[in-house]
C-alpha atoms as a PDB file:
ATOM      1  CA  MET A   1      37.184-128.499 -43.257  1.00  0.00           C
ATOM      2  CA  SER A   2      37.564-127.073 -46.759  1.00  0.00           C
ATOM      3  CA  PHE A   3      39.701-124.105 -47.744  1.00  0.00           C
ATOM      4  CA  ALA A   4      39.372-121.521 -50.544  1.00  0.00           C
ATOM      5  CA  LEU A   5      41.705-118.748 -51.340  1.00  0.00           C
ATOM      6  CA  GLY A   6      40.538-115.137 -51.540  1.00  0.00           C
ATOM      7  CA  ILE A   7      42.838-112.434 -53.004  1.00  0.00           C
ATOM      8  CA  ASP A   8      41.964-108.740 -52.626  1.00  0.00           C
ATOM      9  CA  VAL A   9      43.719-106.440 -55.145  1.00  0.00           C
ATOM     10  CA  GLY A  10      44.086-102.937 -53.948  1.00  0.00           C
ATOM     11  CA  GLY A  11      46.007 -99.803 -55.047  1.00  0.00           C
ATOM     12  CA  THR A  12      48.872-100.466 -52.641  1.00  0.00           C
ATOM     13  CA  LYS A  13      48.773-104.047 -51.757  1.00  0.00           C
ATOM     14  CA  VAL A  14      47.682-107.576 -52.982  1.00  0.00           C
ATOM     15  CA  LEU A  15      46.418-109.461 -49.912  1.00  0.00           C
ATOM     16  CA  GLY A  16      45.731-113.158 -50.072  1.00  0.00           C
ATOM     17  CA  GLY A  17      43.884-115.176 -47.404  1.00  0.00           C
ATOM     18  CA  VAL A  18      43.014-118.792 -46.825  1.00  0.00           C
ATOM     19  CA  VAL A  19      39.350-118.912 -45.798  1.00  0.00           C
ATOM     20  CA  ASP A  20      37.658-121.926 -44.222  1.00  0.00           C
ATOM     21  CA  ASP A  21      34.009-122.790 -44.746  1.00  0.00           C
ATOM     22  CA  SER A  22      32.980-120.775 -41.675  1.00  0.00           C
ATOM     23  CA  GLY A  23      34.366-117.597 -43.184  1.00  0.00           C
ATOM     24  CA  ALA A  24      37.469-117.438 -40.934  1.00  0.00           C
ATOM     25  CA  ILE A  25      40.786-116.363 -42.344  1.00  0.00           C
ATOM     26  CA  VAL A  26      43.342-118.890 -41.210  1.00  0.00           C
ATOM     27  CA  LYS A  27      46.462-117.383 -42.911  1.00  0.00           C
ATOM     28  CA  THR A  28      47.357-114.442 -45.084  1.00  0.00           C
ATOM     29  CA  ALA A  29      50.183-113.390 -47.445  1.00  0.00           C
ATOM     30  CA  ARG A  30      50.837-109.891 -48.840  1.00  0.00           C
ATOM     31  CA  ARG A  31      52.776-108.265 -51.567  1.00  0.00           C
ATOM     32  CA  ASP A  32      52.975-104.682 -52.779  1.00  0.00           C
ATOM     33  CA  THR A  33      50.915-103.763 -55.849  1.00  0.00           C
ATOM     34  CA  PRO A  34      53.299-103.012 -58.773  1.00  0.00           C
ATOM     35  CA  ARG A  35      52.591 -99.617 -60.140  1.00  0.00           C
ATOM     36  CA  GLU A  36      52.804-100.698 -63.717  1.00  0.00           C
ATOM     37  CA  GLY A  37      49.874-102.990 -63.307  1.00  0.00           C
ATOM     38  CA  GLY A  38      49.203-105.328 -66.239  1.00  0.00           C
ATOM     39  CA  SER A  39      51.175-108.626 -66.491  1.00  0.00           C
ATOM     40  CA  ALA A  40      53.386-107.535 -63.449  1.00  0.00           C
ATOM     41  CA  LEU A  41      50.277-107.332 -61.256  1.00  0.00           C
ATOM     42  CA  THR A  42      48.872-110.692 -62.630  1.00  0.00           C
ATOM     43  CA  ARG A  43      52.240-112.309 -61.692  1.00  0.00           C
ATOM     44  CA  THR A  44      52.083-110.733 -58.138  1.00  0.00           C
ATOM     45  CA  ILE A  45      48.574-112.271 -57.604  1.00  0.00           C
ATOM     46  CA  ALA A  46      49.847-115.631 -58.749  1.00  0.00           C
ATOM     47  CA  ALA A  47      52.793-115.285 -56.342  1.00  0.00           C
ATOM     48  CA  VAL A  48      50.534-114.618 -53.426  1.00  0.00           C
ATOM     49  CA  ALA A  49      48.450-117.581 -54.274  1.00  0.00           C
ATOM     50  CA  GLN A  50      51.435-119.887 -54.606  1.00  0.00           C
ATOM     51  CA  ASP A  51      52.770-118.722 -51.196  1.00  0.00           C
ATOM     52  CA  LEU A  52      49.615-119.828 -49.562  1.00  0.00           C
ATOM     53  CA  MET A  53      49.097-123.017 -51.427  1.00  0.00           C
ATOM     54  CA  GLN A  54      52.300-124.481 -50.139  1.00  0.00           C
ATOM     55  CA  GLU A  55      50.635-125.119 -46.829  1.00  0.00           C
ATOM     56  CA  PHE A  56      47.000-125.592 -47.764  1.00  0.00           C
ATOM     57  CA  ASP A  57      45.039-127.818 -50.150  1.00  0.00           C
ATOM     58  CA  ILE A  58      43.245-125.180 -52.208  1.00  0.00           C
ATOM     59  CA  ASP A  59      40.671-126.093 -54.963  1.00  0.00           C
ATOM     60  CA  ALA A  60      39.496-122.721 -55.970  1.00  0.00           C
ATOM     61  CA  VAL A  61      40.794-119.114 -55.987  1.00  0.00           C
ATOM     62  CA  GLY A  62      38.817-115.922 -55.941  1.00  0.00           C
ATOM     63  CA  VAL A  63      40.184-112.579 -56.997  1.00  0.00           C
ATOM     64  CA  SER A  64      38.475-109.278 -56.010  1.00  0.00           C
ATOM     65  CA  ALA A  65      39.321-106.020 -57.697  1.00  0.00           C
ATOM     66  CA  ALA A  66      37.737-102.600 -58.449  1.00  0.00           C
ATOM     67  CA  GLY A  67      36.407-102.376 -61.931  1.00  0.00           C
ATOM     68  CA  PHE A  68      33.872-103.725 -64.447  1.00  0.00           C
ATOM     69  CA  ILE A  69      34.016-107.413 -64.799  1.00  0.00           C
ATOM     70  CA  SER A  70      32.267-109.514 -67.482  1.00  0.00           C
ATOM     71  CA  SER A  71      29.151-111.536 -66.616  1.00  0.00           C
ATOM     72  CA  ASP A  72      31.131-114.837 -66.852  1.00  0.00           C
ATOM     73  CA  ARG A  73      33.534-113.464 -64.212  1.00  0.00           C
ATOM     74  CA  LYS A  74      36.615-113.997 -66.480  1.00  0.00           C
ATOM     75  CA  THR A  75      37.392-110.700 -68.092  1.00  0.00           C
ATOM     76  CA  MET A  76      38.440-107.355 -66.735  1.00  0.00           C
ATOM     77  CA  LEU A  77      36.365-104.978 -68.889  1.00  0.00           C
ATOM     78  CA  ALA A  78      37.639-101.736 -67.399  1.00  0.00           C
ATOM     79  CA  THR A  79      39.663-100.862 -64.356  1.00  0.00           C
ATOM     80  CA  PRO A  80      39.859 -97.181 -63.560  1.00  0.00           C
ATOM     81  CA  ASN A  81      42.771 -97.381 -61.134  1.00  0.00           C
ATOM     82  CA  ILE A  82      44.843-100.233 -62.580  1.00  0.00           C
ATOM     83  CA  ALA A  83      46.993 -99.883 -65.681  1.00  0.00           C
ATOM     84  CA  GLY A  84      47.167-102.606 -68.340  1.00  0.00           C
ATOM     85  CA  TRP A  85      44.159-104.639 -67.299  1.00  0.00           C
ATOM     86  CA  ASN A  86      41.379-103.235 -69.499  1.00  0.00           C
ATOM     87  CA  GLY A  87      39.913-105.976 -71.651  1.00  0.00           C
ATOM     88  CA  VAL A  88      42.145-108.683 -70.287  1.00  0.00           C
ATOM     89  CA  ARG A  89      40.810-112.210 -69.832  1.00  0.00           C
ATOM     90  CA  LEU A  90      42.435-112.349 -66.448  1.00  0.00           C
ATOM     91  CA  THR A  91      41.209-115.803 -65.214  1.00  0.00           C
ATOM     92  CA  ASP A  92      42.937-117.625 -68.225  1.00  0.00           C
ATOM     93  CA  GLN A  93      46.196-115.974 -67.373  1.00  0.00           C
ATOM     94  CA  LEU A  94      45.963-116.691 -63.640  1.00  0.00           C
ATOM     95  CA  GLU A  95      44.747-120.363 -64.043  1.00  0.00           C
ATOM     96  CA  GLU A  96      47.756-121.026 -66.239  1.00  0.00           C
ATOM     97  CA  LEU A  97      50.109-119.532 -63.522  1.00  0.00           C
ATOM     98  CA  ILE A  98      48.401-120.939 -60.514  1.00  0.00           C
ATOM     99  CA  GLY A  99      47.038-124.299 -61.695  1.00  0.00           C
ATOM    100  CA  ARG A 100      43.695-123.858 -60.116  1.00  0.00           C
ATOM    101  CA  LYS A 101      40.177-122.634 -61.066  1.00  0.00           C
ATOM    102  CA  VAL A 102      40.056-118.794 -60.626  1.00  0.00           C
ATOM    103  CA  VAL A 103      36.953-116.654 -60.257  1.00  0.00           C
ATOM    104  CA  LEU A 104      37.049-112.883 -60.677  1.00  0.00           C
ATOM    105  CA  GLU A 105      34.684-110.504 -58.904  1.00  0.00           C
ATOM    106  CA  ASN A 106      34.127-106.860 -58.411  1.00  0.00           C
ATOM    107  CA  ASP A 107      35.352-105.650 -55.028  1.00  0.00           C
ATOM    108  CA  ALA A 108      32.008-104.192 -53.796  1.00  0.00           C
ATOM    109  CA  ASN A 109      30.229-107.418 -54.895  1.00  0.00           C
ATOM    110  CA  SER A 110      32.780-109.438 -52.973  1.00  0.00           C
ATOM    111  CA  ALA A 111      32.276-107.375 -49.894  1.00  0.00           C
ATOM    112  CA  ALA A 112      28.520-107.644 -50.157  1.00  0.00           C
ATOM    113  CA  TRP A 113      28.670-111.366 -50.409  1.00  0.00           C
ATOM    114  CA  GLY A 114      31.083-111.602 -47.502  1.00  0.00           C
ATOM    115  CA  GLU A 115      28.726-109.523 -45.315  1.00  0.00           C
ATOM    116  CA  LYS A 116      25.676-111.518 -46.466  1.00  0.00           C
ATOM    117  CA  ARG A 117      27.205-114.899 -45.792  1.00  0.00           C
ATOM    118  CA  PHE A 118      29.263-114.250 -42.684  1.00  0.00           C
ATOM    119  CA  GLY A 119      28.613-110.677 -41.441  1.00  0.00           C
ATOM    120  CA  ALA A 120      26.006-108.031 -40.769  1.00  0.00           C
ATOM    121  CA  GLY A 121      23.707-109.379 -43.577  1.00  0.00           C
ATOM    122  CA  LYS A 122      23.592-113.001 -42.744  1.00  0.00           C
ATOM    123  CA  ASN A 123      20.068-112.949 -41.294  1.00  0.00           C
ATOM    124  CA  PHE A 124      18.550-111.305 -44.320  1.00  0.00           C
ATOM    125  CA  ASN A 125      17.542-112.638 -47.720  1.00  0.00           C
ATOM    126  CA  THR A 126      17.679-109.437 -49.755  1.00  0.00           C
ATOM    127  CA  VAL A 127      20.520-107.072 -48.818  1.00  0.00           C
ATOM    128  CA  ILE A 128      22.064-103.955 -50.295  1.00  0.00           C
ATOM    129  CA  MET A 129      25.588-103.128 -49.302  1.00  0.00           C
ATOM    130  CA  LEU A 130      26.936 -99.598 -49.728  1.00  0.00           C
ATOM    131  CA  THR A 131      30.680 -99.177 -49.243  1.00  0.00           C
ATOM    132  CA  VAL A 132      31.430 -95.630 -48.200  1.00  0.00           C
ATOM    133  CA  GLY A 133      35.050 -95.142 -48.809  1.00  0.00           C
ATOM    134  CA  THR A 134      37.019 -92.869 -51.152  1.00  0.00           C
ATOM    135  CA  GLY A 135      34.092 -93.589 -53.553  1.00  0.00           C
ATOM    136  CA  LEU A 136      30.737 -95.059 -53.089  1.00  0.00           C
ATOM    137  CA  GLY A 137      30.436 -98.706 -54.031  1.00  0.00           C
ATOM    138  CA  GLY A 138      27.421-101.059 -54.039  1.00  0.00           C
ATOM    139  CA  GLY A 139      26.429-104.624 -54.011  1.00  0.00           C
ATOM    140  CA  LEU A 140      23.019-106.370 -54.101  1.00  0.00           C
ATOM    141  CA  VAL A 141      22.059-109.829 -52.823  1.00  0.00           C
ATOM    142  CA  VAL A 142      18.527-110.835 -53.846  1.00  0.00           C
ATOM    143  CA  ASP A 143      16.908-113.932 -52.323  1.00  0.00           C
ATOM    144  CA  ASN A 144      20.455-115.138 -51.263  1.00  0.00           C
ATOM    145  CA  HIS A 145      21.843-114.690 -54.727  1.00  0.00           C
ATOM    146  CA  LEU A 146      24.418-112.099 -55.807  1.00  0.00           C
ATOM    147  CA  TYR A 147      22.969-109.882 -58.427  1.00  0.00           C
ATOM    148  CA  ARG A 148      25.390-108.872 -61.253  1.00  0.00           C
ATOM    149  CA  GLY A 149      23.127-107.646 -63.912  1.00  0.00           C
ATOM    150  CA  ALA A 150      22.782-108.645 -67.634  1.00  0.00           C
ATOM    151  CA  PHE A 151      26.391-107.656 -68.458  1.00  0.00           C
ATOM    152  CA  GLY A 152      28.010-108.264 -65.038  1.00  0.00           C
ATOM    153  CA  ILE A 153      28.231-104.629 -63.973  1.00  0.00           C
ATOM    154  CA  GLY A 154      25.062-104.076 -62.003  1.00  0.00           C
ATOM    155  CA  ALA A 155      24.531-102.460 -58.564  1.00  0.00           C
ATOM    156  CA  GLU A 156      26.730 -99.409 -59.315  1.00  0.00           C
ATOM    157  CA  PHE A 157      24.545 -97.383 -57.002  1.00  0.00           C
ATOM    158  CA  GLY A 158      27.070 -94.657 -56.357  1.00  0.00           C
ATOM    159  CA  HIS A 159      26.757 -93.731 -60.032  1.00  0.00           C
ATOM    160  CA  THR A 160      23.119 -93.131 -60.105  1.00  0.00           C
ATOM    161  CA  ARG A 161      22.371 -89.401 -60.538  1.00  0.00           C
ATOM    162  CA  ALA A 162      21.474 -87.242 -57.539  1.00  0.00           C
ATOM    163  CA  VAL A 163      21.885 -83.663 -58.804  1.00  0.00           C
ATOM    164  CA  PRO A 164      21.402 -82.685 -62.470  1.00  0.00           C
ATOM    165  CA  GLU A 165      24.622 -80.909 -63.678  1.00  0.00           C
ATOM    166  CA  GLY A 166      26.105 -81.371 -60.188  1.00  0.00           C
ATOM    167  CA  HIS A 167      29.693 -82.089 -59.267  1.00  0.00           C
ATOM    168  CA  LEU A 168      31.648 -83.949 -62.044  1.00  0.00           C
ATOM    169  CA  CYS A 169      32.289 -87.606 -61.165  1.00  0.00           C
ATOM    170  CA  GLY A 170      35.189 -89.789 -62.135  1.00  0.00           C
ATOM    171  CA  CYS A 171      32.843 -91.888 -64.207  1.00  0.00           C
ATOM    172  CA  GLY A 172      32.233 -88.912 -66.606  1.00  0.00           C
ATOM    173  CA  ILE A 173      28.756 -88.012 -65.398  1.00  0.00           C
ATOM    174  CA  ARG A 174      27.763 -84.994 -63.343  1.00  0.00           C
ATOM    175  CA  GLY A 175      25.801 -85.276 -60.085  1.00  0.00           C
ATOM    176  CA  CYS A 176      26.390 -88.911 -59.103  1.00  0.00           C
ATOM    177  CA  PHE A 177      25.621 -89.896 -55.554  1.00  0.00           C
ATOM    178  CA  GLU A 178      29.186 -90.717 -55.133  1.00  0.00           C
ATOM    179  CA  GLN A 179      30.040 -86.996 -55.244  1.00  0.00           C
ATOM    180  CA  TYR A 180      27.740 -86.332 -52.235  1.00  0.00           C
ATOM    181  CA  ALA A 181      27.842 -89.447 -50.030  1.00  0.00           C
ATOM    182  CA  SER A 182      31.405 -90.850 -50.015  1.00  0.00           C
ATOM    183  CA  GLY A 183      34.629 -90.165 -48.128  1.00  0.00           C
ATOM    184  CA  ASN A 184      35.731 -87.598 -50.735  1.00  0.00           C
ATOM    185  CA  ALA A 185      32.314 -86.015 -50.359  1.00  0.00           C
ATOM    186  CA  LEU A 186      32.721 -85.827 -46.583  1.00  0.00           C
ATOM    187  CA  LEU A 187      35.890 -83.828 -47.158  1.00  0.00           C
ATOM    188  CA  ARG A 188      34.038 -81.566 -49.541  1.00  0.00           C
ATOM    189  CA  HIS A 189      31.182 -81.093 -46.953  1.00  0.00           C
ATOM    190  CA  ALA A 190      33.762 -80.315 -44.238  1.00  0.00           C
ATOM    191  CA  ARG A 191      35.607 -77.733 -46.259  1.00  0.00           C
ATOM    192  CA  GLU A 192      32.375 -75.991 -47.217  1.00  0.00           C
ATOM    193  CA  ALA A 193      31.471 -75.844 -43.545  1.00  0.00           C
ATOM    194  CA  ILE A 194      34.847 -74.392 -42.643  1.00  0.00           C
ATOM    195  CA  HIS A 195      34.390 -71.734 -45.308  1.00  0.00           C
ATOM    196  CA  ALA A 196      30.897 -70.957 -44.017  1.00  0.00           C
ATOM    197  CA  SER A 197      31.929 -70.758 -40.257  1.00  0.00           C
ATOM    198  CA  PRO A 198      35.661 -70.258 -39.988  1.00  0.00           C
ATOM    199  CA  ASP A 199      35.490 -69.204 -36.307  1.00  0.00           C
ATOM    200  CA  LEU A 200      33.799 -72.542 -35.438  1.00  0.00           C
ATOM    201  CA  ALA A 201      36.398 -74.463 -37.416  1.00  0.00           C
ATOM    202  CA  LYS A 202      39.463 -73.583 -35.450  1.00  0.00           C
ATOM    203  CA  ASN A 203      39.474 -76.922 -33.607  1.00  0.00           C
ATOM    204  CA  LEU A 204      39.125 -78.891 -36.811  1.00  0.00           C
ATOM    205  CA  LEU A 205      41.795 -76.880 -38.739  1.00  0.00           C
ATOM    206  CA  ALA A 206      44.215 -77.362 -35.859  1.00  0.00           C
ATOM    207  CA  ARG A 207      44.084 -81.186 -36.320  1.00  0.00           C
ATOM    208  CA  GLY A 208      45.686 -80.780 -39.754  1.00  0.00           C
ATOM    209  CA  ASP A 209      48.285 -78.419 -41.061  1.00  0.00           C
ATOM    210  CA  GLY A 210      46.132 -75.430 -40.487  1.00  0.00           C
ATOM    211  CA  THR A 211      44.711 -75.269 -43.984  1.00  0.00           C
ATOM    212  CA  ILE A 212      41.393 -76.361 -45.345  1.00  0.00           C
ATOM    213  CA  GLU A 213      43.103 -78.528 -47.871  1.00  0.00           C
ATOM    214  CA  GLY A 214      45.178 -80.212 -45.109  1.00  0.00           C
ATOM    215  CA  ILE A 215      42.081 -81.837 -43.309  1.00  0.00           C
ATOM    216  CA  THR A 216      41.849 -85.659 -43.712  1.00  0.00           C
ATOM    217  CA  GLY A 217      38.855 -87.905 -43.257  1.00  0.00           C
ATOM    218  CA  ARG A 218      40.330 -89.519 -40.193  1.00  0.00           C
ATOM    219  CA  GLN A 219      40.696 -86.120 -38.593  1.00  0.00           C
ATOM    220  CA  ILE A 220      37.060 -85.257 -39.422  1.00  0.00           C
ATOM    221  CA  THR A 221      35.967 -88.561 -37.874  1.00  0.00           C
ATOM    222  CA  ALA A 222      38.018 -88.012 -34.686  1.00  0.00           C
ATOM    223  CA  ALA A 223      36.787 -84.456 -34.284  1.00  0.00           C
ATOM    224  CA  ALA A 224      33.119 -85.591 -34.784  1.00  0.00           C
ATOM    225  CA  GLN A 225      33.550 -88.255 -32.142  1.00  0.00           C
ATOM    226  CA  GLU A 226      34.761 -85.589 -29.721  1.00  0.00           C
ATOM    227  CA  GLY A 227      31.694 -83.433 -30.464  1.00  0.00           C
ATOM    228  CA  ASP A 228      33.168 -80.883 -32.976  1.00  0.00           C
ATOM    229  CA  THR A 229      30.153 -79.169 -34.436  1.00  0.00           C
ATOM    230  CA  VAL A 230      31.752 -78.456 -37.967  1.00  0.00           C
ATOM    231  CA  ALA A 231      32.821 -82.188 -38.283  1.00  0.00           C
ATOM    232  CA  ILE A 232      29.398 -83.334 -37.130  1.00  0.00           C
ATOM    233  CA  ALA A 233      27.721 -81.085 -39.707  1.00  0.00           C
ATOM    234  CA  ALA A 234      29.789 -82.645 -42.452  1.00  0.00           C
ATOM    235  CA  PHE A 235      28.734 -86.107 -41.366  1.00  0.00           C
ATOM    236  CA  ASN A 236      25.110 -84.944 -41.274  1.00  0.00           C
ATOM    237  CA  THR A 237      25.254 -83.687 -44.794  1.00  0.00           C
ATOM    238  CA  THR A 238      26.885 -86.936 -45.940  1.00  0.00           C
ATOM    239  CA  GLY A 239      24.308 -88.969 -44.135  1.00  0.00           C
ATOM    240  CA  GLN A 240      21.473 -86.920 -45.581  1.00  0.00           C
ATOM    241  CA  TRP A 241      22.616 -87.791 -49.060  1.00  0.00           C
ATOM    242  CA  LEU A 242      23.374 -91.389 -48.184  1.00  0.00           C
ATOM    243  CA  GLY A 243      19.840 -91.795 -46.764  1.00  0.00           C
ATOM    244  CA  ALA A 244      18.442 -90.287 -49.896  1.00  0.00           C
ATOM    245  CA  LEU A 245      20.154 -92.928 -51.963  1.00  0.00           C
ATOM    246  CA  CYS A 246      18.822 -95.580 -49.654  1.00  0.00           C
ATOM    247  CA  ALA A 247      15.204 -94.259 -49.982  1.00  0.00           C
ATOM    248  CA  SER A 248      15.485 -94.402 -53.712  1.00  0.00           C
ATOM    249  CA  LEU A 249      16.817 -97.994 -53.572  1.00  0.00           C
ATOM    250  CA  VAL A 250      13.934 -98.911 -51.327  1.00  0.00           C
ATOM    251  CA  ALA A 251      11.467 -97.734 -53.931  1.00  0.00           C
ATOM    252  CA  ALA A 252      13.310 -99.686 -56.640  1.00  0.00           C
ATOM    253  CA  LEU A 253      14.389-102.900 -54.905  1.00  0.00           C
ATOM    254  CA  ASP A 254      12.574-103.176 -51.553  1.00  0.00           C
ATOM    255  CA  PRO A 255      15.497-104.691 -49.531  1.00  0.00           C
ATOM    256  CA  GLU A 256      15.310-106.028 -45.994  1.00  0.00           C
ATOM    257  CA  ALA A 257      18.506-104.391 -44.983  1.00  0.00           C
ATOM    258  CA  PHE A 258      21.313-101.956 -45.957  1.00  0.00           C
ATOM    259  CA  VAL A 259      24.740-102.901 -44.703  1.00  0.00           C
ATOM    260  CA  ILE A 260      27.020 -99.838 -44.652  1.00  0.00           C
ATOM    261  CA  GLY A 261      30.730-100.541 -44.860  1.00  0.00           C
ATOM    262  CA  GLY A 262      33.854 -98.772 -46.068  1.00  0.00           C
ATOM    263  CA  GLY A 263      36.291 -96.530 -44.152  1.00  0.00           C
ATOM    264  CA  VAL A 264      33.788 -93.826 -43.281  1.00  0.00           C
ATOM    265  CA  ILE A 265      31.724 -96.289 -41.190  1.00  0.00           C
ATOM    266  CA  ASP A 266      34.393 -95.924 -38.526  1.00  0.00           C
ATOM    267  CA  ALA A 267      32.402 -92.937 -37.394  1.00  0.00           C
ATOM    268  CA  GLY A 268      29.443 -95.334 -36.436  1.00  0.00           C
ATOM    269  CA  GLU A 269      26.288 -93.707 -35.424  1.00  0.00           C
ATOM    270  CA  ILE A 270      27.572 -90.244 -36.318  1.00  0.00           C
ATOM    271  CA  LEU A 271      27.021 -91.289 -39.927  1.00  0.00           C
ATOM    272  CA  LEU A 272      24.267 -93.960 -39.542  1.00  0.00           C
ATOM    273  CA  THR A 273      21.829 -91.761 -37.460  1.00  0.00           C
ATOM    274  CA  PRO A 274      21.399 -88.988 -40.096  1.00  0.00           C
ATOM    275  CA  THR A 275      21.352 -91.691 -42.791  1.00  0.00           C
ATOM    276  CA  ARG A 276      18.503 -93.519 -41.057  1.00  0.00           C
ATOM    277  CA  GLU A 277      16.622 -90.228 -40.468  1.00  0.00           C
ATOM    278  CA  SER A 278      17.032 -89.231 -44.085  1.00  0.00           C
ATOM    279  CA  MET A 279      15.897 -92.537 -45.539  1.00  0.00           C
ATOM    280  CA  SER A 280      12.862 -92.689 -43.238  1.00  0.00           C
ATOM    281  CA  ARG A 281      11.753 -89.144 -44.305  1.00  0.00           C
ATOM    282  CA  LEU A 282      12.177 -89.805 -48.021  1.00  0.00           C
ATOM    283  CA  ILE A 283      10.892 -93.288 -48.596  1.00  0.00           C
ATOM    284  CA  PRO A 284       7.806 -93.116 -50.754  1.00  0.00           C
ATOM    285  CA  PHE A 285       4.616 -93.903 -48.723  1.00  0.00           C
ATOM    286  CA  THR A 286       6.639 -93.646 -45.582  1.00  0.00           C
ATOM    287  CA  GLY A 287       4.774 -94.842 -42.494  1.00  0.00           C
ATOM    288  CA  LYS A 288       2.494 -96.905 -44.694  1.00  0.00           C
ATOM    289  CA  ARG A 289       4.973 -99.637 -45.620  1.00  0.00           C
ATOM    290  CA  PRO A 290       7.693-101.709 -44.052  1.00  0.00           C
ATOM    291  CA  ALA A 291      11.120-100.122 -44.054  1.00  0.00           C
ATOM    292  CA  PRO A 292      14.522-101.815 -44.159  1.00  0.00           C
ATOM    293  CA  VAL A 293      17.068-101.569 -41.395  1.00  0.00           C
ATOM    294  CA  ILE A 294      20.389 -99.849 -41.736  1.00  0.00           C
ATOM    295  CA  VAL A 295      23.250-101.679 -39.940  1.00  0.00           C
ATOM    296  CA  PRO A 296      26.993-101.324 -39.949  1.00  0.00           C
ATOM    297  CA  ALA A 297      29.254-103.905 -41.611  1.00  0.00           C
ATOM    298  CA  THR A 298      31.061-106.186 -39.315  1.00  0.00           C
ATOM    299  CA  LEU A 299      33.836-107.797 -41.403  1.00  0.00           C
ATOM    300  CA  GLY A 300      35.727-104.499 -42.009  1.00  0.00           C
ATOM    301  CA  ASN A 301      38.541-104.677 -44.555  1.00  0.00           C
ATOM    302  CA  ASP A 302      38.224-108.507 -44.671  1.00  0.00           C
ATOM    303  CA  ALA A 303      34.796-108.556 -46.287  1.00  0.00           C
ATOM    304  CA  GLY A 304      36.003-108.564 -49.858  1.00  0.00           C
ATOM    305  CA  LEU A 305      38.613-111.198 -49.315  1.00  0.00           C
ATOM    306  CA  VAL A 306      36.221-113.551 -47.356  1.00  0.00           C
ATOM    307  CA  GLY A 307      33.391-112.971 -49.923  1.00  0.00           C
ATOM    308  CA  VAL A 308      35.341-113.694 -53.034  1.00  0.00           C
ATOM    309  CA  ALA A 309      36.895-116.842 -51.397  1.00  0.00           C
ATOM    310  CA  ASP A 310      33.320-118.184 -50.766  1.00  0.00           C
ATOM    311  CA  LEU A 311      32.236-117.203 -54.264  1.00  0.00           C
ATOM    312  CA  ALA A 312      35.113-119.163 -55.714  1.00  0.00           C
ATOM    313  CA  ARG A 313      33.654-122.323 -54.023  1.00  0.00           C
ATOM    314  CA  GLN A 314      30.375-122.071 -55.975  1.00  0.00           C
END
């Protein structure tokens, strides 16, 4: 049995896990993410690794983080939510601190690889993963190889354009799919539905603080699961946009399967059913060509950690 170490860097925590060659996490260690980022965060990652290496013989370490990463998987080109890491050759710094080979990977790519190797995508050769969380991340595995693009920053499907001059996205472009098919988009769709039908929204509003702004994604999910019509409408709108993105990706990439992950997938079929219906309706030459399946992710929040640990072995 061999062990690799995966470390998932998030906005609030740095979570490390020892992963065996079957994809099972056998031990974890966690530390809070320092707000100042930069070298303090780099030292925190090293500390998590050192905690776990005391008990296990680790040859390689994988680090998963949100942001643009160079094609050689060594440099953080840009990190929108982490201070002090832009343009940092992170693997050199970590290898000096840890004393092991370190591989750096984008968080969505890591999750896609985890699901492909050990989760919902393991029976497919060409898989697209869409992570529907606060934003909309993407990863692509083609013929059992993770696709990164010429510069290491491919598969940013959430930042393909859906609506000319639409809602402004955090990437600086207007109309990205992320603004219509993400957790934040679900909140917007719910608030718009409340404005349109305030009498129907009393149940949903009562779950928060009574204001439109006080509604959370978890509350919308819980309400939809109990049959609330306004919450279900918000999921239907989100699923329609997500299915439209899938249909466009089918035309471009012809995958066997879409794996849908991220926090919003907690709603299950409430999200997946309108997504499938939208994709089926919008695929070019629909009914005359094979269509991919849409399946929920199975590894949950562990997908990125498991995936980056496996990538570090290669």
